Structure formats: C-alpha cells, structure tokens
C-alpha cells in the first residue's frame, strides 16, 4: 500500500488478488482510509454483497498472510470465507 500524504487521506483501492468459486469471481481489494488499511472482498461484477475481511493492518507481511490464507480457504470451501456460514464452519473446526 502506498504511503498517505496526510492523515485524512483516502487512497484509491488496490486490487490484491482474484479468486473464482462456483458463485462467480471475486476481487480482494486493499485501501487505506484515514490512515487505516482495510481488506475487502467484492464480486468482480460489482453486484452483490461486499465483505470486510480485515481492517487496521499494520504491515505488508500481515496483509500478504491474510490474503494468502483467505485465498486458500476460498479454494478449499468453494465459498466466500467472510460469509457467516464459513465463519461458523471455522469456529467449529477449532472446538
């Protein structure tokens, strides 16, 4: 992510990755808003629900690890990892 020129800046979103599941293609974007980096999952056709994957990231290594893990989960489950049904599945695996 590029540096912010001033604290209130909102930088353009940056495409970080794409993945395809049965439902369709999705794009993971990163964007710095008021100094806080956010990752979001958006349908490639821009229609449908958008999901916040993570916010408040502090370093590029953290961002890269989250994106890599998210892509692995999408491939494994053929689903959007940020959907509540997937989050419930993950919680059940930890028990």
Protein backbone atom coordinates (compact mmCIF):
# COMPACT_ATOMS: atom_id res chain seq x y z
CA UNK A 1 0.00 0.00 0.00
CA UNK A 2 1.29 3.48 -0.77
CA UNK A 3 2.02 5.99 1.95
CA UNK A 4 -0.57 8.56 2.96
CA UNK A 5 0.25 12.23 2.35
CA UNK A 6 -1.96 13.47 5.19
CA UNK A 7 -3.92 11.76 7.99
CA UNK A 8 -7.41 12.29 6.50
CA UNK A 9 -6.48 10.90 3.07
CA UNK A 10 -8.36 8.12 1.35
CA UNK A 11 -6.20 6.33 -1.18
CA UNK A 12 -7.60 4.57 -4.26
CA UNK A 13 -8.36 0.91 -3.71
CA UNK A 14 -5.75 -1.54 -4.99
CA UNK A 15 -6.56 -4.98 -6.42
CA UNK A 16 -4.55 -7.52 -4.43
CA UNK A 17 -5.99 -10.84 -5.66
CA UNK A 18 -8.79 -12.56 -7.54
CA UNK A 19 -10.41 -15.91 -6.93
CA UNK A 20 -13.16 -17.91 -8.57
CA UNK A 21 -15.73 -20.08 -6.84
CA UNK A 22 -18.90 -21.68 -8.20
CA UNK A 23 -20.81 -18.50 -7.34
CA UNK A 24 -18.50 -16.38 -9.53
CA UNK A 25 -15.32 -14.36 -9.50
CA UNK A 26 -14.34 -12.15 -6.55
CA UNK A 27 -11.68 -9.50 -6.07
CA UNK A 28 -9.80 -8.71 -2.88
CA UNK A 29 -9.02 -5.01 -2.61
CA UNK A 30 -6.84 -3.13 -0.17
CA UNK A 31 -7.47 0.53 0.63
CA UNK A 32 -6.11 3.00 3.12
CA UNK A 33 -8.88 5.14 4.57
CA UNK A 34 -7.90 7.84 7.07
CA UNK A 35 -4.65 6.02 7.72
CA UNK A 36 -6.27 2.61 8.34
CA UNK A 37 -5.71 -0.21 5.83
CA UNK A 38 -8.77 -2.34 5.02
CA UNK A 39 -9.16 -5.52 3.01
CA UNK A 40 -12.49 -6.12 1.29
CA UNK A 41 -13.96 -8.91 -0.84
CA UNK A 42 -16.07 -7.64 -3.75
CA UNK A 43 -17.85 -9.55 -6.53
CA UNK A 44 -15.93 -8.94 -9.78
CA UNK A 45 -19.10 -7.70 -11.50
CA UNK A 46 -19.60 -5.21 -8.61
CA UNK A 47 -23.10 -6.65 -7.94
CA UNK A 48 -23.82 -8.41 -4.70
CA UNK A 49 -22.63 -8.33 -1.15
CA UNK A 50 -19.24 -6.95 -0.19
CA UNK A 51 -17.35 -8.20 2.83
CA UNK A 52 -14.77 -6.54 5.05
CA UNK A 53 -12.06 -9.15 5.53
CA UNK A 54 -9.85 -7.19 7.90
CA UNK A 55 -9.12 -3.63 8.96
CA UNK A 56 -6.38 -1.98 10.93
CA UNK A 57 -3.50 -3.85 9.30
CA UNK A 58 -0.10 -2.61 10.38
CA UNK A 59 2.40 -4.11 7.95
CA UNK A 60 2.67 -5.63 4.48
CA UNK A 61 3.65 -9.07 5.84
CA UNK A 62 0.41 -9.21 7.80
CA UNK A 63 -1.62 -8.17 4.74
CA UNK A 64 0.06 -10.77 2.50
CA UNK A 65 -0.50 -13.56 5.04
CA UNK A 66 -4.20 -12.73 5.44
CA UNK A 67 -4.74 -12.60 1.66
CA UNK A 68 -2.93 -15.93 1.14
CA UNK A 69 -4.95 -17.63 3.89
CA UNK A 70 -8.21 -16.18 2.57
CA UNK A 71 -7.49 -17.48 -0.95
CA UNK A 72 -6.70 -20.97 0.43
CA UNK A 73 -9.98 -21.01 2.36
CA UNK A 74 -11.96 -19.91 -0.71
CA UNK A 75 -10.40 -22.71 -2.77
CA UNK A 76 -10.92 -25.34 -0.05
CA UNK A 77 -14.57 -24.47 0.65
CA UNK A 78 -15.65 -23.16 -2.79
CA UNK A 79 -17.24 -20.30 -0.86
CA UNK A 80 -16.59 -16.74 0.32
CA UNK A 81 -14.56 -17.13 3.53
CA UNK A 82 -16.02 -13.97 5.09
CA UNK A 83 -19.61 -15.23 4.81
CA UNK A 84 -21.14 -16.02 8.19
CA UNK A 85 -21.71 -19.69 7.26
CA UNK A 86 -17.98 -20.08 6.57
CA UNK A 87 -17.06 -18.32 9.80
CA UNK A 88 -19.28 -20.74 11.71
CA UNK A 89 -17.52 -23.64 9.95
CA UNK A 90 -14.11 -22.28 11.02
CA UNK A 91 -15.27 -21.88 14.62
CA UNK A 92 -16.46 -25.49 14.65
CA UNK A 93 -13.05 -26.71 13.49
CA UNK A 94 -11.34 -25.03 16.45
CA UNK A 95 -13.52 -26.75 19.04
